[in-house]
Protein backbone atom coordinates (compact mmCIF):
# COMPACT_ATOMS: atom_id res chain seq x y z
CA MET A 1 -0.12 0.27 -0.03
CA THR A 2 1.10 3.00 -0.92
CA THR A 3 0.56 6.91 0.84
CA PRO A 4 2.37 10.31 1.29
CA LEU A 5 2.93 8.56 5.02
CA THR A 6 4.93 5.17 3.44
CA GLU A 7 6.54 7.27 0.85
CA SER A 8 7.07 9.65 3.18
CA ILE A 9 9.42 8.02 5.99
CA SER A 10 9.63 4.46 3.51
CA ILE A 11 7.47 1.97 5.35
CA ASP A 12 5.26 -0.97 3.62
CA PHE A 13 2.24 -0.29 5.40
CA PRO A 14 0.43 3.31 6.61
CA MET A 15 0.70 3.18 10.29
CA ILE A 16 2.41 3.93 13.41
CA MET A 17 2.38 2.03 16.71
CA ALA A 18 1.87 5.49 18.76
CA PRO A 19 4.36 6.12 21.41
CA MET A 20 2.97 5.63 25.02
CA PHE A 21 4.39 6.17 28.00
CA LEU A 22 6.03 3.36 29.94
CA VAL A 23 3.95 1.65 27.59
CA SER A 24 5.91 1.19 24.50
CA ASN A 25 9.79 -0.59 24.77
CA GLU A 26 12.71 -1.81 22.27
CA ALA A 27 10.36 -5.17 21.68
CA MET A 28 8.06 -3.42 20.46
CA ILE A 29 9.48 -1.21 18.56
CA VAL A 30 11.62 -4.12 16.93
CA ALA A 31 7.85 -6.57 16.07
CA ALA A 32 6.76 -2.47 14.31
CA MET A 33 9.72 -2.08 12.42
CA ASN A 34 10.34 -5.86 11.21
CA SER A 35 6.14 -5.93 10.05
CA GLY A 36 6.76 -3.36 7.41
CA ILE A 37 5.67 0.26 9.46
CA ALA A 38 6.31 2.43 12.06
CA GLY A 39 6.78 2.04 16.18
CA ALA A 40 7.82 4.93 18.22
CA PHE A 41 8.79 5.28 21.86
CA PRO A 42 8.50 8.88 23.85
CA THR A 43 12.13 9.32 24.86
CA LEU A 44 10.60 10.13 28.68
CA ASN A 45 10.28 5.87 28.52
CA TYR A 46 14.28 6.35 29.16
CA ARG A 47 15.06 8.33 31.60
CA LYS A 48 18.22 6.93 33.36
CA LYS A 49 21.47 8.32 32.39
CA GLY A 50 23.05 5.91 28.79
CA GLU A 51 18.97 4.53 28.37
CA LEU A 52 18.58 6.38 25.87
CA GLU A 53 21.45 5.69 23.73
CA ASN A 54 21.70 2.46 24.40
CA ILE A 55 18.13 1.58 22.42
CA LEU A 56 18.50 4.34 19.84
CA THR A 57 22.10 2.10 19.27
CA ASN A 58 20.17 -1.34 19.13
CA LEU A 59 17.15 0.47 17.25
CA ASN A 60 19.54 1.94 14.03
CA GLU A 61 21.49 -1.41 14.19
CA GLU A 62 18.35 -3.45 13.67
CA LYS A 63 17.17 -1.23 10.94
CA SER A 64 20.42 -1.31 8.68
CA LYS A 65 19.48 -5.52 8.93
CA LEU A 66 15.53 -5.68 8.00
CA LYS A 67 14.32 -7.22 4.49
CA VAL A 68 11.24 -4.90 4.70
CA LYS A 69 10.54 -1.53 4.98
CA GLY A 70 9.92 -0.33 8.53
CA THR A 71 11.75 2.44 10.95
CA TYR A 72 11.67 4.01 14.09
CA GLY A 73 10.79 7.55 15.41
CA VAL A 74 10.83 9.51 19.12
CA ASN A 75 8.02 11.73 20.44
CA LEU A 76 9.27 14.75 22.35
CA ILE A 77 7.69 16.51 24.93
CA VAL A 78 8.69 20.16 23.80
CA GLN A 79 7.45 21.79 26.57
CA LYS A 80 9.56 23.67 28.84
CA THR A 81 8.39 21.95 31.81
CA ASN A 82 10.49 18.47 30.07
CA PRO A 83 13.85 18.56 31.95
CA LEU A 84 15.24 16.12 29.66
CA TYR A 85 13.92 17.71 26.37
CA GLU A 86 17.37 19.57 26.06
CA LYS A 87 19.13 16.57 26.79
CA HIS A 88 17.18 14.18 24.17
CA LEU A 89 16.60 16.55 21.54
CA LYS A 90 20.72 16.14 21.42
CA VAL A 91 21.09 12.14 21.45
CA CYS A 92 18.59 11.59 19.13
CA VAL A 93 19.85 14.31 16.58
CA GLU A 94 23.74 12.80 17.48
CA GLN A 95 22.12 9.14 16.38
CA LYS A 96 20.11 10.21 13.32
CA VAL A 97 16.36 9.50 14.76
CA PRO A 98 14.72 8.94 11.53
CA PHE A 99 11.03 10.39 12.67
CA TYR A 100 9.94 12.75 15.56
CA ILE A 101 6.47 13.21 17.09
CA THR A 102 6.57 16.12 18.94
CA SER A 103 4.03 17.05 21.91
CA LEU A 104 2.32 19.92 23.91
CA GLY A 105 4.49 22.88 22.55
CA SER A 106 6.69 24.48 19.97
CA PRO A 107 8.67 22.36 17.45
CA LYS A 108 10.71 24.69 15.70
CA GLN A 109 13.55 23.76 17.20
CA VAL A 110 12.96 19.90 16.64
CA ILE A 111 11.85 20.68 12.80
CA ASP A 112 15.53 22.74 12.98
CA LEU A 113 17.85 20.14 13.28
CA ALA A 114 15.72 16.90 12.18
CA HIS A 115 15.91 18.67 8.77
CA SER A 116 19.63 19.33 8.73
CA TYR A 117 20.15 15.93 8.37
CA GLY A 118 16.91 14.65 6.95
CA ALA A 119 14.80 13.59 9.53
CA LYS A 120 10.78 14.20 9.36
CA VAL A 121 8.84 15.90 11.84
CA PHE A 122 5.08 15.12 12.57
CA CYS A 123 3.41 16.73 14.76
CA ASP A 124 0.46 16.45 17.45
CA VAL A 125 -2.55 18.52 16.85
CA THR A 126 -6.55 18.57 17.49
CA ASN A 127 -7.30 21.89 15.55
CA ILE A 128 -6.39 23.91 12.61
CA GLU A 129 -4.91 26.91 14.51
CA HIS A 130 -2.10 24.63 16.20
CA ALA A 131 -2.15 23.27 12.49
CA GLN A 132 -1.18 26.39 11.34
CA LYS A 133 1.51 27.42 13.88
CA CYS A 134 3.51 23.89 12.95
CA SER A 135 2.79 24.91 9.37
CA ASP A 136 4.62 27.57 9.52
CA LEU A 137 7.76 26.35 10.81
CA GLY A 138 7.79 23.55 8.05
CA CYS A 139 6.47 20.19 9.37
CA ASP A 140 6.24 17.42 7.58
CA GLY A 141 2.88 16.18 8.69
CA PHE A 142 0.18 15.90 11.39
CA ILE A 143 -0.89 13.59 13.85
CA ALA A 144 -4.52 14.27 13.94
CA VAL A 145 -5.23 13.43 17.76
CA GLY A 146 -8.61 13.29 17.97
CA GLN A 147 -11.40 12.38 19.84
CA GLY A 148 -10.94 8.91 21.59
CA ALA A 149 -7.39 8.92 21.64
CA GLY A 150 -5.38 7.58 24.39
CA GLY A 151 -3.53 10.19 26.44
CA HIS A 152 -4.29 13.97 25.82
CA ALA A 153 -7.12 13.55 23.35
CA GLY A 154 -8.40 15.89 21.32
CA THR A 155 -12.60 17.55 21.44
CA ASN A 156 -12.66 17.52 17.55
CA THR A 157 -13.88 14.12 15.43
CA LEU A 158 -11.68 12.67 12.99
CA GLN A 159 -14.29 12.72 10.06
CA VAL A 160 -13.74 16.42 10.48
CA LEU A 161 -10.56 16.85 11.94
CA ILE A 162 -8.63 15.01 9.06
CA PRO A 163 -10.72 16.66 5.83
CA SER A 164 -10.39 20.34 7.40
CA LEU A 165 -6.47 19.17 8.18
CA HIS A 166 -5.97 17.86 4.70
CA GLN A 167 -8.33 20.90 2.63
CA ARG A 168 -6.76 23.97 4.09
CA PHE A 169 -3.12 21.92 3.92
CA PRO A 170 -3.12 19.86 0.41
CA ASN A 171 0.63 19.11 0.48
CA THR A 172 0.76 17.86 3.94
CA PRO A 173 0.28 14.30 5.39
CA VAL A 174 -1.86 14.10 8.07
CA ILE A 175 -2.11 10.90 10.12
CA ALA A 176 -5.77 9.32 12.01
CA ALA A 177 -4.80 9.32 16.18
CA GLY A 178 -7.96 7.89 18.25
CA GLY A 179 -9.90 4.84 18.41
CA ILE A 180 -8.53 2.81 15.77
CA ALA A 181 -8.31 -0.43 16.73
CA THR A 182 -8.92 -2.76 13.69
CA GLY A 183 -8.84 -2.64 9.87
CA ALA A 184 -12.23 -0.73 9.00
CA GLY A 185 -10.74 1.51 11.05
CA ILE A 186 -7.91 1.90 9.37
CA LEU A 187 -9.79 1.78 5.87
CA SER A 188 -12.67 4.56 7.40
CA MET A 189 -9.38 7.04 8.34
CA LEU A 190 -7.97 6.32 3.94
CA VAL A 191 -11.16 7.21 3.12
CA VAL A 192 -11.35 10.91 4.78
CA GLY A 193 -8.36 11.83 3.30
CA ALA A 194 -5.52 10.50 6.10
CA ALA A 195 -2.24 9.11 4.70
CA GLY A 196 -1.89 6.68 7.66
CA VAL A 197 -2.90 5.81 10.95
CA SER A 198 -1.46 5.76 14.92
CA VAL A 199 -2.43 3.29 16.71
CA GLY A 200 -1.55 2.88 20.59
CA THR A 201 -4.14 1.30 23.11
CA ARG A 202 -4.07 -2.20 21.30
CA PHE A 203 -0.85 -2.84 21.75
CA ILE A 204 -0.41 -2.26 25.38
CA ALA A 205 -2.50 -5.45 25.09
CA SER A 206 0.31 -6.90 23.51
CA THR A 207 2.30 -9.74 24.93
CA GLU A 208 5.67 -7.67 24.96
CA ALA A 209 4.29 -4.82 26.39
CA ASN A 210 6.00 -4.19 29.80
CA VAL A 211 2.73 -3.82 32.05
CA SER A 212 1.31 -5.94 34.82
CA ASN A 213 -0.89 -8.60 32.97
CA GLU A 214 -3.85 -6.45 35.14
CA TYR A 215 -3.48 -3.10 33.26
CA LYS A 216 -3.71 -5.98 29.81
CA ASN A 217 -6.94 -7.72 30.84
CA ALA A 218 -8.25 -3.95 31.90
CA ILE A 219 -7.64 -3.22 28.71
CA VAL A 220 -9.29 -6.60 27.17
CA SER A 221 -12.48 -5.73 29.50
CA SER A 222 -12.66 -2.47 29.04
CA LYS A 223 -15.80 -0.60 27.26
CA MET A 224 -15.42 2.96 25.94
CA SER A 225 -17.83 4.07 28.02
CA ASP A 226 -15.18 3.44 31.12
CA ILE A 227 -12.96 5.97 29.78
CA VAL A 228 -12.80 8.92 31.47
CA MET A 229 -10.62 12.05 31.08
CA THR A 230 -8.37 13.76 34.31
CA GLU A 231 -6.44 16.29 34.15
CA LYS A 232 -4.61 15.02 37.18
CA ILE A 233 -1.78 13.53 35.15
CA SER A 234 -0.12 16.49 33.73
CA GLY A 235 -2.46 19.42 33.70
CA THR A 236 -3.61 18.56 30.29
CA PRO A 237 -6.61 16.51 30.22
CA SER A 238 -5.66 12.77 29.38
CA THR A 239 -7.93 9.83 29.20
CA VAL A 240 -7.66 6.34 31.50
CA ILE A 241 -10.19 3.90 32.51
CA ASN A 242 -12.40 5.04 35.18
CA THR A 243 -10.89 3.03 37.85
CA ALA A 244 -11.57 3.01 41.96
CA PHE A 245 -8.04 4.99 42.38
CA ALA A 246 -9.40 7.43 39.07
CA LYS A 247 -12.78 8.16 40.74
CA LYS A 248 -10.54 8.18 43.90
CA ILE A 249 -8.07 11.34 42.62
CA GLY A 250 -10.90 13.00 40.49
CA TYR A 251 -10.59 13.90 37.08
CA LYS A 252 -10.61 17.81 37.81
CA GLN A 253 -8.23 20.61 39.38
CA ASN A 254 -9.32 22.25 42.30
CA TRP A 255 -9.47 25.79 42.69
CA LEU A 256 -5.90 26.20 44.46
CA GLU A 257 -4.72 23.80 41.96
CA LYS A 258 -5.73 25.56 38.59
CA LEU A 259 -4.41 29.20 40.18
CA LEU A 260 -0.95 27.57 40.47
CA SER A 261 -1.11 26.30 37.24
CA THR A 262 -2.15 29.99 35.58
CA ASN A 263 -0.30 32.32 37.10
CA SER A 264 3.06 33.63 35.86
CA ARG A 265 5.10 32.95 38.58
CA THR A 266 4.58 29.42 39.36
CA LYS A 267 2.90 27.89 37.06
CA LYS A 268 6.16 26.54 35.76
CA LEU A 269 7.05 24.94 38.49
CA PHE A 270 3.82 23.90 39.13
CA LYS A 271 3.30 22.24 35.87
CA MET A 272 6.02 20.05 36.16
CA TRP A 273 5.56 19.28 39.48
CA VAL A 274 2.80 17.70 38.68
CA GLN A 275 3.80 15.96 35.31
CA ILE A 276 6.71 14.64 37.86
CA SER A 277 3.95 12.91 39.97
CA GLY A 278 1.88 12.54 37.37
CA MET A 279 4.21 10.18 35.67
CA LYS A 280 5.25 8.33 39.22
CA LYS A 281 1.86 7.13 39.84
CA LEU A 282 1.54 6.17 36.15
CA GLU A 283 4.70 4.39 36.81
CA ALA A 284 3.46 2.62 40.30
CA ALA A 285 0.04 1.62 38.23
CA ILE A 286 1.94 -0.54 35.47
CA HIS A 287 3.42 -3.02 38.17
CA PRO A 288 1.97 -5.83 39.23
CA GLY A 289 -0.34 -5.70 42.18
CA ASN A 290 -0.35 -1.78 43.03
CA TYR A 291 -4.38 -1.09 43.74
CA ASN A 292 -3.59 2.49 42.80
CA THR A 293 -4.62 1.77 39.14
CA LEU A 294 -4.24 4.57 36.57
CA TRP A 295 -4.04 3.20 33.63
CA ILE A 296 -3.69 5.58 30.39
CA ALA A 297 -6.00 3.97 27.24
CA GLY A 298 -8.02 5.42 24.06
CA GLN A 299 -11.82 4.33 23.53
CA SER A 300 -10.90 1.69 20.97
CA VAL A 301 -10.58 -0.53 23.94
CA GLU A 302 -13.79 -1.37 23.16
CA LEU A 303 -12.87 -3.51 20.53
CA ILE A 304 -10.01 -5.06 22.06
CA ASN A 305 -10.67 -8.92 22.76
CA ASP A 306 -7.30 -10.15 23.56
CA ILE A 307 -3.71 -10.08 24.32
CA SER A 308 -1.72 -10.90 20.91
CA PRO A 309 2.01 -10.41 19.60
CA CYS A 310 3.09 -7.52 17.95
CA LYS A 311 3.37 -9.03 15.19
CA VAL A 312 -0.03 -10.92 14.89
CA ILE A 313 -1.80 -7.81 15.83
CA ILE A 314 -0.21 -5.88 12.82
CA GLU A 315 -0.84 -8.76 10.41
CA ARG A 316 -4.57 -8.74 11.45
CA MET A 317 -5.04 -5.54 10.71
CA LYS A 318 -3.63 -5.49 7.55
CA GLU A 319 -5.36 -8.19 6.68
CA GLU A 320 -8.41 -6.76 8.25
CA THR A 321 -8.22 -3.60 6.20
CA GLU A 322 -7.71 -5.55 2.96
CA GLU A 323 -11.04 -7.40 3.86
CA ALA A 324 -12.56 -3.91 4.56
CA TYR A 325 -11.76 -3.01 0.70
CA ARG A 326 -13.28 -6.04 -0.43
CA GLN A 327 -16.46 -5.57 1.52
CA LEU A 328 -16.67 -1.87 0.44
CA GLY A 329 -16.57 -2.54 -2.97
CA LYS A 330 -19.21 -4.97 -2.89
CA VAL A 331 -21.83 -2.03 -1.13
CA ILE A 332 -20.47 0.54 -3.24
CA PHE A 333 -19.94 -0.64 -6.89
């Protein structure tokens, strides 16, 4: 299958295994590359000295041995509240990461440095205004984050957001993110103008994911009605499974938290503290036997029924896409 995304980053099938905090790991990325798609991970998954350099070295070596078109990329939180941003960006540029996904801030520095050696930069966007800023800076594509996405989900439906982006920026590839877990979902996004898809939640329920079986089983057993938005993890609304612990800590910031997050003197330090605190809660929750269950997931949990190897999941989605296309042909023609 050939689309602007497959041509842009040289992959066989227009899918990115989405970067997931504390979930994405080397084994998952390697499986993605060997299946002819792109795998991405957040650099914040590797916070200890030497960890990021090590995985990038391994992935570059693995990529050099591929017998199919596959690749990898990293996700960078480009907000000033990310204390490792500058350090991680420097390492990624030194290792010549093939592509970047930027989130929650200005991508200018990433775009400039990535383009200096031919890498691509895709920016998370949830609306036209943000997309315009990224386009003006020279990004190579948009990750259109819509309703139903895991993590920092958007508020707009992809059926409107994608055509709007495609209409406004006809020469910029749009990758759909949010609520995609089947081949029919992939085909539907391609039909409305997406150049590819970004799939995250489906891969939490994979054998390679280094999270607890409780988390994986929750992905399989949860329904879309179990997904709620909370501001308690990073200060920015994020989707989680509505566990007892999620209910206990609440979904909204209180008046004092809102004041500290908006005051010009306190907002940077307070947002940094909220993010670090949220990261610690999430990290504790992925381990077995932890009762403070705070699990990120998107509404596509409704469509996930098993825990399988990443390769099996990817091949199944490819086959489902082909079958959905055949069924569509029967209906239309």
